[in-house]
Amino acid sequence: MAKSKKHTFRIQFHNHNRIYELYAHQVSQSQMAGFIEVGDIIFGEHTKLLIDPAEEKLKNEFGNVKHIYIPHHSVIRIDEVDHSGKNRILDEEGSTVTHFPGSSIIPQKN
């Protein structure tokens, strides 16, 4: 009996003015109208000393969740990919760089 290969999906969606990018093995139309169901979220195994804080934040938020339900209007795109990447949170422009909080002071010429 041949072993079937698990599908891997990359899901990008808006959540609290940020773009979330998750990798999962299950994506389907939810029985709840207007939602996409995502299950079996893939988190990287940390064998190195360096841990990505963004992925740790996502693991804390979604680690014990069996399925998440994302509203259709929040979904940016869903891609089937060959292998999973890093789960991450991007700002609204798609950048992982967060600006230093505070105001900018621009010196004026007298």
PDB file of N, CA and C in Angstrom:
ATOM      1  N   MET A   1       0.835  -1.177   0.000  1.00  0.00           N
ATOM      2  CA  MET A   1       0.000   0.000   0.000  1.00  0.00           C
ATOM      3  C   MET A   1       0.884   1.246   0.000  1.00  0.00           C
ATOM      4  N   ALA A   2       0.649   2.124  -0.942  1.00  0.00           N
ATOM      5  CA  ALA A   2       1.471   3.331  -1.083  1.00  0.00           C
ATOM      6  C   ALA A   2       1.099   4.344  -0.007  1.00  0.00           C
ATOM      7  N   LYS A   3       2.105   4.981   0.543  1.00  0.00           N
ATOM      8  CA  LYS A   3       1.893   6.013   1.549  1.00  0.00           C
ATOM      9  C   LYS A   3       1.555   7.324   0.836  1.00  0.00           C
ATOM     10  N   SER A   4       0.396   7.912   1.197  1.00  0.00           N
ATOM     11  CA  SER A   4      -0.003   9.156   0.530  1.00  0.00           C
ATOM     12  C   SER A   4       0.745  10.340   1.136  1.00  0.00           C
ATOM     13  N   LYS A   5       1.130  11.245   0.280  1.00  0.00           N
ATOM     14  CA  LYS A   5       1.862  12.439   0.693  1.00  0.00           C
ATOM     15  C   LYS A   5       0.880  13.463   1.251  1.00  0.00           C
ATOM     16  N   LYS A   6       1.236  14.069   2.388  1.00  0.00           N
ATOM     17  CA  LYS A   6       0.398  15.122   2.956  1.00  0.00           C
ATOM     18  C   LYS A   6       0.558  16.389   2.141  1.00  0.00           C
ATOM     19  N   HIS A   7      -0.544  17.058   1.902  1.00  0.00           N
ATOM     20  CA  HIS A   7      -0.498  18.346   1.218  1.00  0.00           C
ATOM     21  C   HIS A   7      -0.016  19.405   2.209  1.00  0.00           C
ATOM     22  N   THR A   8       0.674  20.413   1.708  1.00  0.00           N
ATOM     23  CA  THR A   8       1.136  21.530   2.525  1.00  0.00           C
ATOM     24  C   THR A   8       0.631  22.810   1.895  1.00  0.00           C
ATOM     25  N   PHE A   9      -0.002  23.657   2.720  1.00  0.00           N
ATOM     26  CA  PHE A   9      -0.585  24.903   2.249  1.00  0.00           C
ATOM     27  C   PHE A   9       0.022  26.082   2.996  1.00  0.00           C
ATOM     28  N   ARG A  10       0.197  27.193   2.273  1.00  0.00           N
ATOM     29  CA  ARG A  10       0.590  28.472   2.872  1.00  0.00           C
ATOM     30  C   ARG A  10      -0.650  29.357   2.841  1.00  0.00           C
ATOM     31  N   ILE A  11      -1.068  29.836   4.022  1.00  0.00           N
ATOM     32  CA  ILE A  11      -2.265  30.650   4.147  1.00  0.00           C
ATOM     33  C   ILE A  11      -1.856  32.041   4.604  1.00  0.00           C
ATOM     34  N   GLN A  12      -2.250  33.061   3.862  1.00  0.00           N
ATOM     35  CA  GLN A  12      -1.984  34.451   4.239  1.00  0.00           C
ATOM     36  C   GLN A  12      -3.325  35.130   4.480  1.00  0.00           C
ATOM     37  N   PHE A  13      -3.432  35.807   5.651  1.00  0.00           N
ATOM     38  CA  PHE A  13      -4.684  36.481   5.987  1.00  0.00           C
ATOM     39  C   PHE A  13      -4.427  37.682   6.883  1.00  0.00           C
ATOM     40  N   HIS A  14      -5.383  38.626   6.867  1.00  0.00           N
ATOM     41  CA  HIS A  14      -5.318  39.827   7.703  1.00  0.00           C
ATOM     42  C   HIS A  14      -5.847  39.501   9.097  1.00  0.00           C
ATOM     43  N   ASN A  15      -5.162  40.008  10.128  1.00  0.00           N
ATOM     44  CA  ASN A  15      -5.617  39.865  11.501  1.00  0.00           C
ATOM     45  C   ASN A  15      -5.038  41.013  12.316  1.00  0.00           C
ATOM     46  N   HIS A  16      -5.883  41.882  12.865  1.00  0.00           N
ATOM     47  CA  HIS A  16      -5.462  43.019  13.695  1.00  0.00           C
ATOM     48  C   HIS A  16      -4.409  43.893  13.002  1.00  0.00           C
ATOM     49  N   ASN A  17      -4.695  44.324  11.795  1.00  0.00           N
ATOM     50  CA  ASN A  17      -3.826  45.213  11.006  1.00  0.00           C
ATOM     51  C   ASN A  17      -2.452  44.608  10.714  1.00  0.00           C
ATOM     52  N   ARG A  18      -2.374  43.330  10.711  1.00  0.00           N
ATOM     53  CA  ARG A  18      -1.140  42.622  10.355  1.00  0.00           C
ATOM     54  C   ARG A  18      -1.497  41.504   9.385  1.00  0.00           C
ATOM     55  N   ILE A  19      -0.480  41.022   8.689  1.00  0.00           N
ATOM     56  CA  ILE A  19      -0.659  39.898   7.779  1.00  0.00           C
ATOM     57  C   ILE A  19      -0.021  38.678   8.426  1.00  0.00           C
ATOM     58  N   TYR A  20      -0.818  37.649   8.639  1.00  0.00           N
ATOM     59  CA  TYR A  20      -0.328  36.390   9.198  1.00  0.00           C
ATOM     60  C   TYR A  20      -0.054  35.437   8.039  1.00  0.00           C
ATOM     61  N   GLU A  21       1.046  34.711   8.141  1.00  0.00           N
ATOM     62  CA  GLU A  21       1.383  33.698   7.146  1.00  0.00           C
ATOM     63  C   GLU A  21       1.624  32.397   7.902  1.00  0.00           C
ATOM     64  N   LEU A  22       0.734  31.416   7.689  1.00  0.00           N
ATOM     65  CA  LEU A  22       0.819  30.133   8.373  1.00  0.00           C
ATOM     66  C   LEU A  22       0.945  29.007   7.364  1.00  0.00           C
ATOM     67  N   TYR A  23       1.573  27.920   7.791  1.00  0.00           N
ATOM     68  CA  TYR A  23       1.658  26.707   6.988  1.00  0.00           C
ATOM     69  C   TYR A  23       0.847  25.629   7.686  1.00  0.00           C
ATOM     70  N   ALA A  24       0.058  24.888   6.897  1.00  0.00           N
ATOM     71  CA  ALA A  24      -0.805  23.860   7.470  1.00  0.00           C
ATOM     72  C   ALA A  24      -0.989  22.724   6.469  1.00  0.00           C
ATOM     73  N   HIS A  25      -1.434  21.578   6.998  1.00  0.00           N
ATOM     74  CA  HIS A  25      -1.694  20.425   6.141  1.00  0.00           C
ATOM     75  C   HIS A  25      -3.161  20.328   5.721  1.00  0.00           C
ATOM     76  N   GLN A  26      -4.050  21.026   6.427  1.00  0.00           N
ATOM     77  CA  GLN A  26      -5.478  20.937   6.114  1.00  0.00           C
ATOM     78  C   GLN A  26      -6.072  22.326   5.906  1.00  0.00           C
ATOM     79  N   VAL A  27      -6.720  22.505   4.766  1.00  0.00           N
ATOM     80  CA  VAL A  27      -7.465  23.740   4.464  1.00  0.00           C
ATOM     81  C   VAL A  27      -8.735  23.322   3.752  1.00  0.00           C
ATOM     82  N   SER A  28      -9.870  23.830   4.220  1.00  0.00           N
ATOM     83  CA  SER A  28     -11.137  23.480   3.568  1.00  0.00           C
ATOM     84  C   SER A  28     -12.187  24.552   3.825  1.00  0.00           C
ATOM     85  N   GLN A  29     -13.254  24.466   3.068  1.00  0.00           N
ATOM     86  CA  GLN A  29     -14.407  25.328   3.275  1.00  0.00           C
ATOM     87  C   GLN A  29     -15.070  24.879   4.573  1.00  0.00           C
ATOM     88  N   SER A  30     -15.323  25.797   5.477  1.00  0.00           N
ATOM     89  CA  SER A  30     -15.936  25.469   6.757  1.00  0.00           C
ATOM     90  C   SER A  30     -17.425  25.227   6.592  1.00  0.00           C
ATOM     91  N   GLN A  31     -17.994  24.464   7.512  1.00  0.00           N
ATOM     92  CA  GLN A  31     -19.443  24.285   7.528  1.00  0.00           C
ATOM     93  C   GLN A  31     -20.136  25.542   8.037  1.00  0.00           C
ATOM     94  N   MET A  32     -19.360  26.408   8.725  1.00  0.00           N
ATOM     95  CA  MET A  32     -19.901  27.713   9.125  1.00  0.00           C
ATOM     96  C   MET A  32     -19.771  28.635   7.912  1.00  0.00           C
ATOM     97  N   ALA A  33     -20.878  29.169   7.470  1.00  0.00           N
ATOM     98  CA  ALA A  33     -20.884  30.001   6.264  1.00  0.00           C
ATOM     99  C   ALA A  33     -19.940  31.189   6.399  1.00  0.00           C
ATOM    100  N   GLY A  34     -19.108  31.401   5.369  1.00  0.00           N
ATOM    101  CA  GLY A  34     -18.240  32.560   5.324  1.00  0.00           C
ATOM    102  C   GLY A  34     -16.867  32.361   5.943  1.00  0.00           C
ATOM    103  N   PHE A  35     -16.504  31.130   6.296  1.00  0.00           N
ATOM    104  CA  PHE A  35     -15.221  30.875   6.931  1.00  0.00           C
ATOM    105  C   PHE A  35     -14.435  29.784   6.209  1.00  0.00           C
ATOM    106  N   ILE A  36     -13.104  29.908   6.262  1.00  0.00           N
ATOM    107  CA  ILE A  36     -12.177  28.884   5.788  1.00  0.00           C
ATOM    108  C   ILE A  36     -11.647  28.167   7.032  1.00  0.00           C
ATOM    109  N   GLU A  37     -11.631  26.859   7.018  1.00  0.00           N
ATOM    110  CA  GLU A  37     -11.146  26.066   8.142  1.00  0.00           C
ATOM    111  C   GLU A  37      -9.705  25.635   7.879  1.00  0.00           C
ATOM    112  N   VAL A  38      -8.815  25.898   8.829  1.00  0.00           N
ATOM    113  CA  VAL A  38      -7.403  25.539   8.720  1.00  0.00           C
ATOM    114  C   VAL A  38      -7.060  24.647   9.899  1.00  0.00           C
ATOM    115  N   GLY A  39      -6.465  23.483   9.604  1.00  0.00           N
ATOM    116  CA  GLY A  39      -6.088  22.552  10.662  1.00  0.00           C
ATOM    117  C   GLY A  39      -4.702  22.001  10.449  1.00  0.00           C
ATOM    118  N   ASP A  40      -4.185  21.355  11.468  1.00  0.00           N
ATOM    119  CA  ASP A  40      -2.858  20.732  11.445  1.00  0.00           C
ATOM    120  C   ASP A  40      -1.792  21.753  11.036  1.00  0.00           C
ATOM    121  N   ILE A  41      -1.722  22.850  11.810  1.00  0.00           N
ATOM    122  CA  ILE A  41      -0.752  23.918  11.552  1.00  0.00           C
ATOM    123  C   ILE A  41       0.654  23.384  11.800  1.00  0.00           C
ATOM    124  N   ILE A  42       1.572  23.724  10.900  1.00  0.00           N
ATOM    125  CA  ILE A  42       2.952  23.225  10.962  1.00  0.00           C
ATOM    126  C   ILE A  42       3.827  24.262  11.651  1.00  0.00           C
ATOM    127  N   PHE A  43       4.521  23.835  12.702  1.00  0.00           N
ATOM    128  CA  PHE A  43       5.494  24.688  13.378  1.00  0.00           C
ATOM    129  C   PHE A  43       6.854  24.042  13.243  1.00  0.00           C
ATOM    130  N   GLY A  44       7.896  24.860  12.988  1.00  0.00           N
ATOM    131  CA  GLY A  44       9.250  24.355  12.840  1.00  0.00           C
ATOM    132  C   GLY A  44       9.774  23.788  14.143  1.00  0.00           C
ATOM    133  N   GLU A  45      10.556  22.741  14.031  1.00  0.00           N
ATOM    134  CA  GLU A  45      11.197  22.173  15.209  1.00  0.00           C
ATOM    135  C   GLU A  45      12.458  22.965  15.495  1.00  0.00           C
ATOM    136  N   HIS A  46      12.637  23.366  16.728  1.00  0.00           N
ATOM    137  CA  HIS A  46      13.786  24.185  17.102  1.00  0.00           C
ATOM    138  C   HIS A  46      14.916  23.297  17.594  1.00  0.00           C
ATOM    139  N   THR A  47      15.870  23.018  16.712  1.00  0.00           N
ATOM    140  CA  THR A  47      17.027  22.231  17.106  1.00  0.00           C
ATOM    141  C   THR A  47      18.234  23.131  17.305  1.00  0.00           C
ATOM    142  N   LYS A  48      18.101  24.393  16.963  1.00  0.00           N
ATOM    143  CA  LYS A  48      19.193  25.353  17.111  1.00  0.00           C
ATOM    144  C   LYS A  48      18.977  26.174  18.370  1.00  0.00           C
ATOM    145  N   LEU A  49      19.975  26.922  18.751  1.00  0.00           N
ATOM    146  CA  LEU A  49      19.846  27.808  19.893  1.00  0.00           C
ATOM    147  C   LEU A  49      19.045  29.052  19.558  1.00  0.00           C
ATOM    148  N   LEU A  50      19.057  29.448  18.291  1.00  0.00           N
ATOM    149  CA  LEU A  50      18.356  30.652  17.859  1.00  0.00           C
ATOM    150  C   LEU A  50      16.886  30.339  17.608  1.00  0.00           C
ATOM    151  N   ILE A  51      15.994  31.066  18.273  1.00  0.00           N
ATOM    152  CA  ILE A  51      14.555  30.866  18.135  1.00  0.00           C
ATOM    153  C   ILE A  51      13.954  32.139  17.565  1.00  0.00           C
ATOM    154  N   ASP A  52      13.098  31.993  16.553  1.00  0.00           N
ATOM    155  CA  ASP A  52      12.441  33.132  15.925  1.00  0.00           C
ATOM    156  C   ASP A  52      11.293  33.606  16.819  1.00  0.00           C
ATOM    157  N   PRO A  53      11.341  34.847  17.339  1.00  0.00           N
ATOM    158  CA  PRO A  53      10.290  35.316  18.238  1.00  0.00           C
ATOM    159  C   PRO A  53       8.916  35.400  17.583  1.00  0.00           C
ATOM    160  N   ALA A  54       8.862  35.699  16.289  1.00  0.00           N
ATOM    161  CA  ALA A  54       7.566  35.782  15.599  1.00  0.00           C
ATOM    162  C   ALA A  54       6.910  34.410  15.539  1.00  0.00           C
ATOM    163  N   GLU A  55       7.697  33.384  15.226  1.00  0.00           N
ATOM    164  CA  GLU A  55       7.124  32.040  15.168  1.00  0.00           C
ATOM    165  C   GLU A  55       6.738  31.552  16.561  1.00  0.00           C
ATOM    166  N   GLU A  56       7.511  31.935  17.567  1.00  0.00           N
ATOM    167  CA  GLU A  56       7.165  31.571  18.946  1.00  0.00           C
ATOM    168  C   GLU A  56       5.846  32.222  19.358  1.00  0.00           C
ATOM    169  N   LYS A  57       5.633  33.475  18.936  1.00  0.00           N
ATOM    170  CA  LYS A  57       4.377  34.162  19.237  1.00  0.00           C
ATOM    171  C   LYS A  57       3.204  33.434  18.583  1.00  0.00           C
ATOM    172  N   LEU A  58       3.384  33.019  17.332  1.00  0.00           N
ATOM    173  CA  LEU A  58       2.336  32.279  16.634  1.00  0.00           C
ATOM    174  C   LEU A  58       2.107  30.912  17.274  1.00  0.00           C
ATOM    175  N   LYS A  59       3.179  30.270  17.717  1.00  0.00           N
ATOM    176  CA  LYS A  59       3.042  28.961  18.365  1.00  0.00           C
ATOM    177  C   LYS A  59       2.280  29.104  19.679  1.00  0.00           C
ATOM    178  N   ASN A  60       2.542  30.196  20.425  1.00  0.00           N
ATOM    179  CA  ASN A  60       1.798  30.436  21.659  1.00  0.00           C
ATOM    180  C   ASN A  60       0.324  30.714  21.375  1.00  0.00           C
ATOM    181  N   GLU A  61       0.051  31.407  20.263  1.00  0.00           N
ATOM    182  CA  GLU A  61      -1.326  31.764  19.918  1.00  0.00           C
ATOM    183  C   GLU A  61      -2.098  30.584  19.334  1.00  0.00           C
ATOM    184  N   PHE A  62      -1.443  29.779  18.482  1.00  0.00           N
ATOM    185  CA  PHE A  62      -2.147  28.718  17.759  1.00  0.00           C
ATOM    186  C   PHE A  62      -1.674  27.300  18.082  1.00  0.00           C
ATOM    187  N   GLY A  63      -0.702  27.147  18.971  1.00  0.00           N
ATOM    188  CA  GLY A  63      -0.109  25.837  19.242  1.00  0.00           C
ATOM    189  C   GLY A  63      -1.072  24.778  19.733  1.00  0.00           C
ATOM    190  N   ASN A  64      -2.023  25.139  20.575  1.00  0.00           N
ATOM    191  CA  ASN A  64      -2.966  24.164  21.136  1.00  0.00           C
ATOM    192  C   ASN A  64      -4.311  24.173  20.423  1.00  0.00           C
ATOM    193  N   VAL A  65      -4.384  24.821  19.274  1.00  0.00           N
ATOM    194  CA  VAL A  65      -5.634  24.938  18.532  1.00  0.00           C
ATOM    195  C   VAL A  65      -5.716  23.815  17.498  1.00  0.00           C
ATOM    196  N   LYS A  66      -6.849  23.108  17.476  1.00  0.00           N
ATOM    197  CA  LYS A  66      -7.038  22.026  16.496  1.00  0.00           C
ATOM    198  C   LYS A  66      -7.354  22.590  15.113  1.00  0.00           C
ATOM    199  N   HIS A  67      -8.280  23.543  15.060  1.00  0.00           N
ATOM    200  CA  HIS A  67      -8.674  24.178  13.802  1.00  0.00           C
ATOM    201  C   HIS A  67      -8.899  25.662  14.064  1.00  0.00           C
ATOM    202  N   ILE A  68      -8.500  26.494  13.097  1.00  0.00           N
ATOM    203  CA  ILE A  68      -8.853  27.910  13.164  1.00  0.00           C
ATOM    204  C   ILE A  68      -9.826  28.193  12.017  1.00  0.00           C
ATOM    205  N   TYR A  69     -10.679  29.172  12.232  1.00  0.00           N
ATOM    206  CA  TYR A  69     -11.675  29.546  11.246  1.00  0.00           C
ATOM    207  C   TYR A  69     -11.421  30.997  10.865  1.00  0.00           C
ATOM    208  N   ILE A  70     -11.072  31.210   9.613  1.00  0.00           N
ATOM    209  CA  ILE A  70     -10.709  32.538   9.119  1.00  0.00           C
ATOM    210  C   ILE A  70     -11.839  33.046   8.229  1.00  0.00           C
ATOM    211  N   PRO A  71     -12.343  34.259   8.480  1.00  0.00           N
ATOM    212  CA  PRO A  71     -13.391  34.807   7.615  1.00  0.00           C
ATOM    213  C   PRO A  71     -12.890  34.960   6.173  1.00  0.00           C
ATOM    214  N   HIS A  72     -13.769  34.673   5.219  1.00  0.00           N
ATOM    215  CA  HIS A  72     -13.396  34.780   3.796  1.00  0.00           C
ATOM    216  C   HIS A  72     -12.785  36.130   3.461  1.00  0.00           C
ATOM    217  N   HIS A  73     -13.351  37.213   3.986  1.00  0.00           N
ATOM    218  CA  HIS A  73     -12.874  38.548   3.620  1.00  0.00           C
ATOM    219  C   HIS A  73     -11.489  38.853   4.173  1.00  0.00           C
ATOM    220  N   SER A  74     -10.987  38.050   5.117  1.00  0.00           N
ATOM    221  CA  SER A  74      -9.647  38.261   5.674  1.00  0.00           C
ATOM    222  C   SER A  74      -8.560  37.526   4.905  1.00  0.00           C
ATOM    223  N   VAL A  75      -8.937  36.536   4.114  1.00  0.00           N
ATOM    224  CA  VAL A  75      -7.965  35.713   3.393  1.00  0.00           C
ATOM    225  C   VAL A  75      -7.384  36.494   2.224  1.00  0.00           C
ATOM    226  N   ILE A  76      -6.051  36.520   2.152  1.00  0.00           N
ATOM    227  CA  ILE A  76      -5.361  37.150   1.023  1.00  0.00           C
ATOM    228  C   ILE A  76      -5.148  36.104  -0.063  1.00  0.00           C
ATOM    229  N   ARG A  77      -4.554  34.976   0.324  1.00  0.00           N
ATOM    230  CA  ARG A  77      -4.335  33.895  -0.642  1.00  0.00           C
ATOM    231  C   ARG A  77      -4.022  32.604   0.090  1.00  0.00           C
ATOM    232  N   ILE A  78      -4.260  31.495  -0.609  1.00  0.00           N
ATOM    233  CA  ILE A  78      -3.924  30.161  -0.115  1.00  0.00           C
ATOM    234  C   ILE A  78      -3.181  29.466  -1.243  1.00  0.00           C
ATOM    235  N   ASP A  79      -1.958  29.002  -0.966  1.00  0.00           N
ATOM    236  CA  ASP A  79      -1.137  28.327  -1.961  1.00  0.00           C
ATOM    237  C   ASP A  79      -0.807  26.922  -1.487  1.00  0.00           C
ATOM    238  N   GLU A  80      -0.829  25.967  -2.404  1.00  0.00           N
ATOM    239  CA  GLU A  80      -0.297  24.641  -2.089  1.00  0.00           C
ATOM    240  C   GLU A  80       1.182  24.672  -2.463  1.00  0.00           C
ATOM    241  N   VAL A  81       2.044  24.321  -1.509  1.00  0.00           N
ATOM    242  CA  VAL A  81       3.491  24.418  -1.700  1.00  0.00           C
ATOM    243  C   VAL A  81       4.136  23.045  -1.503  1.00  0.00           C
ATOM    244  N   ASP A  82       5.394  22.924  -1.958  1.00  0.00           N
ATOM    245  CA  ASP A  82       6.109  21.657  -1.829  1.00  0.00           C
ATOM    246  C   ASP A  82       6.551  21.367  -0.403  1.00  0.00           C
ATOM    247  N   HIS A  83       6.953  22.413   0.314  1.00  0.00           N
ATOM    248  CA  HIS A  83       7.405  22.223   1.699  1.00  0.00           C
ATOM    249  C   HIS A  83       7.073  23.464   2.512  1.00  0.00           C
ATOM    250  N   SER A  84       6.998  23.309   3.820  1.00  0.00           N
ATOM    251  CA  SER A  84       6.618  24.436   4.675  1.00  0.00           C
ATOM    252  C   SER A  84       7.793  25.371   4.894  1.00  0.00           C
ATOM    253  N   GLY A  85       7.479  26.599   5.193  1.00  0.00           N
ATOM    254  CA  GLY A  85       8.474  27.608   5.520  1.00  0.00           C
ATOM    255  C   GLY A  85       8.248  28.078   6.940  1.00  0.00           C
ATOM    256  N   LYS A  86       8.710  29.280   7.213  1.00  0.00           N
ATOM    257  CA  LYS A  86       8.576  29.860   8.538  1.00  0.00           C
ATOM    258  C   LYS A  86       7.228  30.553   8.666  1.00  0.00           C
ATOM    259  N   ASN A  87       6.479  30.249   9.727  1.00  0.00           N
ATOM    260  CA  ASN A  87       5.279  31.014  10.037  1.00  0.00           C
ATOM    261  C   ASN A  87       5.732  32.393  10.485  1.00  0.00           C
ATOM    262  N   ARG A  88       5.001  33.427  10.068  1.00  0.00           N
ATOM    263  CA  ARG A  88       5.448  34.767  10.415  1.00  0.00           C
ATOM    264  C   ARG A  88       4.291  35.748  10.432  1.00  0.00           C
ATOM    265  N   ILE A  89       4.554  36.895  11.048  1.00  0.00           N
ATOM    266  CA  ILE A  89       3.603  37.999  11.106  1.00  0.00           C
ATOM    267  C   ILE A  89       4.269  39.188  10.427  1.00  0.00           C
ATOM    268  N   LEU A  90       3.579  39.773   9.459  1.00  0.00           N
ATOM    269  CA  LEU A  90       4.099  40.924   8.714  1.00  0.00           C
ATOM    270  C   LEU A  90       3.254  42.141   9.036  1.00  0.00           C
ATOM    271  N   ASP A  91       3.838  43.339   8.839  1.00  0.00           N
ATOM    272  CA  ASP A  91       3.006  44.526   8.995  1.00  0.00           C
ATOM    273  C   ASP A  91       2.130  44.662   7.746  1.00  0.00           C
ATOM    274  N   GLU A  92       1.288  45.663   7.706  1.00  0.00           N
ATOM    275  CA  GLU A  92       0.308  45.824   6.623  1.00  0.00           C
ATOM    276  C   GLU A  92       0.953  45.933   5.250  1.00  0.00           C
ATOM    277  N   GLU A  93       2.190  46.443   5.160  1.00  0.00           N
ATOM    278  CA  GLU A  93       2.872  46.577   3.868  1.00  0.00           C
ATOM    279  C   GLU A  93       3.625  45.301   3.495  1.00  0.00           C
ATOM    280  N   GLY A  94       3.616  44.292   4.359  1.00  0.00           N
ATOM    281  CA  GLY A  94       4.303  43.050   4.045  1.00  0.00           C
ATOM    282  C   GLY A  94       5.724  42.981   4.558  1.00  0.00           C
ATOM    283  N   SER A  95       6.118  43.898   5.433  1.00  0.00           N
ATOM    284  CA  SER A  95       7.477  43.928   5.963  1.00  0.00           C
ATOM    285  C   SER A  95       7.512  43.323   7.357  1.00  0.00           C
ATOM    286  N   THR A  96       8.600  42.631   7.677  1.00  0.00           N
ATOM    287  CA  THR A  96       8.766  42.091   9.020  1.00  0.00           C
ATOM    288  C   THR A  96       9.486  43.084   9.917  1.00  0.00           C
ATOM    289  N   VAL A  97       9.882  44.232   9.386  1.00  0.00           N
ATOM    290  CA  VAL A  97      10.602  45.253  10.150  1.00  0.00           C
ATOM    291  C   VAL A  97       9.593  46.112  10.895  1.00  0.00           C
ATOM    292  N   THR A  98       9.805  46.282  12.197  1.00  0.00           N
ATOM    293  CA  THR A  98       8.954  47.136  13.005  1.00  0.00           C
ATOM    294  C   THR A  98       9.710  48.415  13.296  1.00  0.00           C
ATOM    295  N   HIS A  99       9.065  49.544  13.057  1.00  0.00           N
ATOM    296  CA  HIS A  99       9.699  50.827  13.294  1.00  0.00           C
ATOM    297  C   HIS A  99       9.835  51.088  14.786  1.00  0.00           C
ATOM    298  N   PHE A 100      10.907  51.790  15.151  1.00  0.00           N
ATOM    299  CA  PHE A 100      11.139  52.152  16.538  1.00  0.00           C
ATOM    300  C   PHE A 100      10.047  53.114  16.985  1.00  0.00           C
ATOM    301  N   PRO A 101       9.402  52.835  18.128  1.00  0.00           N
ATOM    302  CA  PRO A 101       8.312  53.717  18.547  1.00  0.00           C
ATOM    303  C   PRO A 101       8.833  55.088  18.957  1.00  0.00           C
ATOM    304  N   GLY A 102       8.037  56.087  18.724  1.00  0.00           N
ATOM    305  CA  GLY A 102       8.412  57.452  19.087  1.00  0.00           C
ATOM    306  C   GLY A 102       8.295  58.373  17.905  1.00  0.00           C
ATOM    307  N   SER A 103       8.388  59.627  18.181  1.00  0.00           N
ATOM    308  CA  SER A 103       8.262  60.601  17.107  1.00  0.00           C
ATOM    309  C   SER A 103       9.625  60.892  16.498  1.00  0.00           C
ATOM    310  N   SER A 104       9.594  61.295  15.271  1.00  0.00           N
ATOM    311  CA  SER A 104      10.831  61.696  14.594  1.00  0.00           C
ATOM    312  C   SER A 104      11.013  63.177  14.765  1.00  0.00           C
ATOM    313  N   ILE A 105      12.190  63.594  15.157  1.00  0.00           N
ATOM    314  CA  ILE A 105      12.492  65.013  15.308  1.00  0.00           C
ATOM    315  C   ILE A 105      13.410  65.420  14.153  1.00  0.00           C
ATOM    316  N   ILE A 106      12.924  66.325  13.367  1.00  0.00           N
ATOM    317  CA  ILE A 106      13.689  66.800  12.220  1.00  0.00           C
ATOM    318  C   ILE A 106      14.187  68.198  12.543  1.00  0.00           C
ATOM    319  N   PRO A 107      15.497  68.403  12.600  1.00  0.00           N
ATOM    320  CA  PRO A 107      16.015  69.741  12.914  1.00  0.00           C
ATOM    321  C   PRO A 107      15.669  70.724  11.791  1.00  0.00           C
ATOM    322  N   GLN A 108      15.266  71.898  12.196  1.00  0.00           N
ATOM    323  CA  GLN A 108      14.916  72.924  11.221  1.00  0.00           C
ATOM    324  C   GLN A 108      16.018  73.954  11.151  1.00  0.00           C
ATOM    325  N   LYS A 109      16.241  74.441   9.956  1.00  0.00           N
ATOM    326  CA  LYS A 109      17.254  75.481   9.770  1.00  0.00           C
ATOM    327  C   LYS A 109      16.679  76.824  10.193  1.00  0.00           C
ATOM    328  N   ASN A 110      17.509  77.624  10.860  1.00  0.00           N
ATOM    329  CA  ASN A 110      17.067  78.954  11.308  1.00  0.00           C
ATOM    330  C   ASN A 110      17.360  80.004  10.280  1.00  0.00           C
TER     331      ASN A 110
END
